[in-house]
Protein backbone atom coordinates (compact mmCIF):
# COMPACT_ATOMS: atom_id res chain seq x y z
CA MET A 1 -7.44 -8.83 -8.68
CA LYS A 2 -4.91 -11.43 -8.55
CA ILE A 3 -1.82 -11.07 -6.06
CA LEU A 4 1.88 -10.88 -7.55
CA PRO A 5 3.87 -11.50 -3.93
CA LEU A 6 7.34 -10.17 -5.42
CA VAL A 7 9.13 -11.83 -3.05
CA PRO A 8 7.96 -15.68 -3.34
CA LEU A 9 9.53 -16.98 -0.24
CA SER A 10 8.70 -14.04 2.20
CA LYS A 11 6.94 -14.45 5.79
CA PHE A 12 4.76 -11.82 3.88
CA ALA A 13 4.26 -14.34 0.76
CA LEU A 14 3.63 -17.15 2.88
CA ASN A 15 1.08 -15.35 4.95
CA ILE A 16 -0.44 -13.72 2.25
CA ARG A 17 -0.36 -17.60 0.81
CA GLY A 18 -2.53 -18.79 4.16
CA THR A 19 -5.07 -15.18 4.51
CA LEU A 20 -6.23 -16.27 0.99
CA GLY A 21 -6.32 -20.14 1.85
CA LYS A 22 -8.40 -19.32 5.37
CA LEU A 23 -10.20 -16.61 3.27
CA SER A 24 -11.07 -19.66 0.04
CA LEU A 25 -10.04 -16.44 -1.71
CA SER A 26 -7.92 -17.41 -4.76
CA GLU A 27 -6.71 -13.95 -5.70
CA ILE A 28 -2.97 -15.10 -5.28
CA THR A 29 -0.43 -15.93 -8.39
CA GLU A 30 1.79 -18.52 -8.55
CA GLU A 31 3.44 -16.96 -11.94
CA SER A 32 7.09 -16.13 -11.67
CA TYR A 33 8.93 -12.40 -10.90
CA THR A 34 11.90 -11.36 -11.13
CA PHE A 35 13.38 -8.08 -11.56
CA GLY A 36 14.21 -6.66 -14.89
CA GLY A 37 12.45 -10.21 -16.24
CA LYS A 38 8.25 -10.79 -16.39
CA ALA A 39 6.69 -8.09 -14.48
CA THR A 40 3.13 -6.34 -13.38
CA GLU A 41 2.58 -2.57 -14.25
CA SER A 42 1.97 -2.14 -10.54
CA ILE A 43 3.20 -2.96 -7.36
CA ALA A 44 1.11 -2.53 -4.49
CA VAL A 45 3.99 -1.71 -0.80
CA VAL A 46 2.35 -3.12 2.25
CA ALA A 47 4.37 -0.58 5.32
CA ASP A 48 2.78 -1.94 7.80
CA GLY A 49 2.42 -5.55 7.99
CA THR A 50 -0.73 -7.32 9.48
CA PRO A 51 -4.00 -6.06 9.42
CA ASP A 52 -3.15 -4.32 6.40
CA ASP A 53 -1.98 -6.65 4.33
CA LYS A 54 -5.68 -8.88 5.25
CA VAL A 55 -8.12 -5.74 4.38
CA PHE A 56 -5.98 -5.44 0.59
CA PHE A 57 -6.42 -9.31 0.16
CA ILE A 58 -10.05 -9.03 0.55
CA LEU A 59 -9.68 -4.89 -1.33
CA CYS A 60 -8.57 -7.22 -4.32
CA HIS A 61 -11.01 -10.34 -4.19
CA HIS A 62 -13.75 -6.84 -4.14
CA PHE A 63 -11.53 -5.75 -7.05
CA ASN A 64 -12.53 -9.17 -9.44
CA GLY A 65 -10.72 -9.35 -12.83
CA ASN A 66 -7.93 -10.20 -14.76
CA LYS A 67 -5.50 -7.69 -13.79
CA THR A 68 -2.14 -8.19 -11.93
CA ILE A 69 -0.39 -6.81 -9.40
CA GLY A 70 2.68 -7.02 -7.03
CA ILE A 71 2.63 -6.94 -4.22
CA VAL A 72 5.18 -6.81 -1.48
CA LYS A 73 6.10 -5.46 2.55
CA PRO A 74 9.43 -3.71 2.57
CA ASN A 75 11.86 -6.58 5.07
CA GLY A 76 12.62 -4.31 8.08
CA LYS A 77 11.20 -1.00 6.52
CA THR A 78 7.78 0.83 7.86
CA GLY A 79 5.34 2.99 7.62
CA VAL A 80 7.17 5.85 5.02
CA SER A 81 10.43 4.54 4.80
CA VAL A 82 9.43 1.64 2.17
CA VAL A 83 9.85 5.35 -0.18
CA GLU A 84 13.75 4.72 0.24
CA GLU A 85 12.88 1.13 -2.20
CA ILE A 86 11.37 2.64 -5.40
CA PRO A 87 14.97 3.22 -6.98
CA GLN A 88 14.48 -0.99 -6.64
CA TYR A 89 10.66 -1.64 -7.45
CA LEU A 90 11.43 0.47 -11.14
CA LYS A 91 14.72 -1.18 -11.52
CA THR A 92 11.67 -3.63 -13.24
CA ARG A 93 10.96 -2.37 -17.04
CA ASN A 94 7.26 -2.75 -17.11
CA VAL A 95 6.20 -1.27 -13.87
CA ASN A 96 4.50 2.98 -14.10
CA LYS A 97 2.78 2.96 -10.51
CA LEU A 98 3.56 1.95 -7.69
CA ILE A 99 0.56 2.41 -4.24
CA ILE A 100 1.91 2.73 -0.65
CA MET A 101 -0.11 1.99 1.66
CA ALA A 102 1.16 3.62 5.78
CA ASP A 103 -1.06 4.33 8.31
CA GLN A 104 -0.12 7.94 9.75
CA GLU A 105 0.84 6.54 13.62
CA ASP A 106 0.94 9.39 15.93
CA ILE A 107 2.65 12.23 14.10
CA PRO A 108 0.04 15.18 11.50
CA LEU A 109 -0.94 14.25 8.16
CA ASN A 110 1.02 17.07 6.85
CA SER A 111 4.62 15.52 7.92
CA VAL A 112 3.62 12.07 7.22
CA PHE A 113 2.54 14.06 3.51
CA ASP A 114 6.47 16.05 4.24
CA GLN A 115 8.48 12.87 5.03
CA THR A 116 7.27 11.20 1.49
CA GLU A 117 8.11 14.15 -0.51
CA GLU A 118 11.80 15.05 1.47
CA LYS A 119 12.52 10.63 1.20
CA LEU A 120 11.28 11.28 -2.48
CA ARG A 121 13.68 13.80 -2.72
CA ILE A 122 17.00 12.14 -0.86
CA HIS A 123 16.30 9.18 -3.39
CA GLY A 124 16.83 11.37 -6.67
CA ILE A 125 13.15 11.21 -7.38
CA GLN A 126 11.64 13.97 -9.14
CA ILE A 127 8.42 15.31 -8.35
CA ILE A 128 6.40 16.57 -11.47
CA SER A 129 3.05 17.18 -10.13
CA GLN A 130 1.19 16.07 -7.39
CA GLU A 131 -2.96 15.73 -6.68
CA GLU A 132 -4.61 16.16 -3.06
CA ASN A 133 -7.43 14.26 -2.01
CA GLY A 134 -7.36 14.04 1.85
CA ARG A 135 -5.59 11.12 2.93
CA CYS A 136 -4.74 10.24 -0.90
CA ARG A 137 -1.24 11.67 -2.76
CA ILE A 138 -1.05 10.95 -6.41
CA TYR A 139 1.88 12.43 -7.44
CA LYS A 140 3.48 11.96 -10.75
CA ASN A 141 7.17 10.69 -10.71
CA ARG A 142 10.70 11.36 -12.75
CA HIS A 143 13.64 8.51 -10.86
CA GLY A 144 16.14 8.83 -14.60
CA SER A 145 14.39 8.42 -17.64
CA ARG A 146 11.81 6.87 -15.88
CA ASN A 147 8.13 8.47 -15.36
CA PHE A 148 6.19 6.80 -13.09
CA GLN A 149 2.99 7.28 -11.10
CA LEU A 150 3.09 6.96 -6.98
CA ILE A 151 -0.39 6.26 -4.94
CA MET A 152 0.36 7.28 -1.15
CA ILE A 153 -2.34 6.32 0.66
CA ILE A 154 -2.57 7.10 4.61
CA ASN A 155 -4.88 4.51 6.39
CA GLY A 156 -6.89 6.32 9.32
CA LEU A 157 -9.92 8.40 10.32
CA ASP A 158 -9.76 11.59 12.53
CA CYS A 159 -13.32 11.07 13.91
CA ILE A 160 -11.57 8.21 15.67
CA PRO A 161 -10.79 9.57 18.82
CA THR A 162 -7.55 7.65 19.34
CA ARG A 163 -3.66 8.91 20.16
CA LYS A 164 -2.50 7.07 16.81
CA HIS A 165 -4.39 6.29 13.20
CA SER A 166 -3.80 2.85 11.25
CA ILE A 167 -5.95 0.93 9.62
CA GLU A 168 -7.95 0.06 12.48
CA ASP A 169 -9.88 2.72 12.54
CA HIS A 170 -11.23 1.96 9.28
CA LEU A 171 -11.91 -1.65 10.65
CA LEU A 172 -13.44 0.04 13.58
CA LYS A 173 -16.10 2.49 11.32
CA ALA A 174 -17.03 -0.69 9.51
CA ALA A 175 -17.88 -2.59 13.36
CA ILE A 176 -19.47 0.79 14.52
CA SER A 177 -21.50 0.61 10.89
CA LEU A 178 -22.37 -2.95 10.89
CA ASN A 179 -23.67 -2.21 14.76
CA ILE A 180 -20.78 -4.55 15.44
CA ILE A 181 -19.96 -2.27 18.54
CA GLY A 182 -22.15 1.29 19.65
CA ASP A 183 -22.34 4.13 18.32
CA SER A 184 -20.17 6.78 16.88
CA ASN A 185 -20.51 10.38 15.12
CA CYS A 186 -17.81 9.17 13.08
CA GLU A 187 -19.05 10.49 9.37
CA THR A 188 -16.05 9.45 7.17
């Protein structure tokens, strides 16, 4: 999968280039991107920065193929607040799928989804239907005359005994699975 930074000169985009270069990966594309111009059908929104962005790049490398996905880290926004930017992303005529990856932090998982749904409503986005699968919800939405899908992924594992839950839970689980660190009773 190719990654297309939506804001090519942002600190986030420069970090993408640096990370992929260090890993000798070639998944970044230098195609031009303008709202209303050439665009991908899917945009990934990284809500919480590093290491979330690096995990996403590695996943893109493993989902090797010809598809290009736009990627952005909204400036000054983290967590569920990135939902506020959805109307801006929908100005691109081809976008029909958004993927948001956010950390759970230290609030209950249901509260994260409740906050997401409230922000969607506040910003004029109608939820037509939703599918729930643990830490992932797939929303079918309408904004004005546009229909689109939002895939909301909340990072974290309940079996990791920490106060805050984030992508680091998954990295810790991987380290346990690879016997890099000691045993745990984390099965998920």
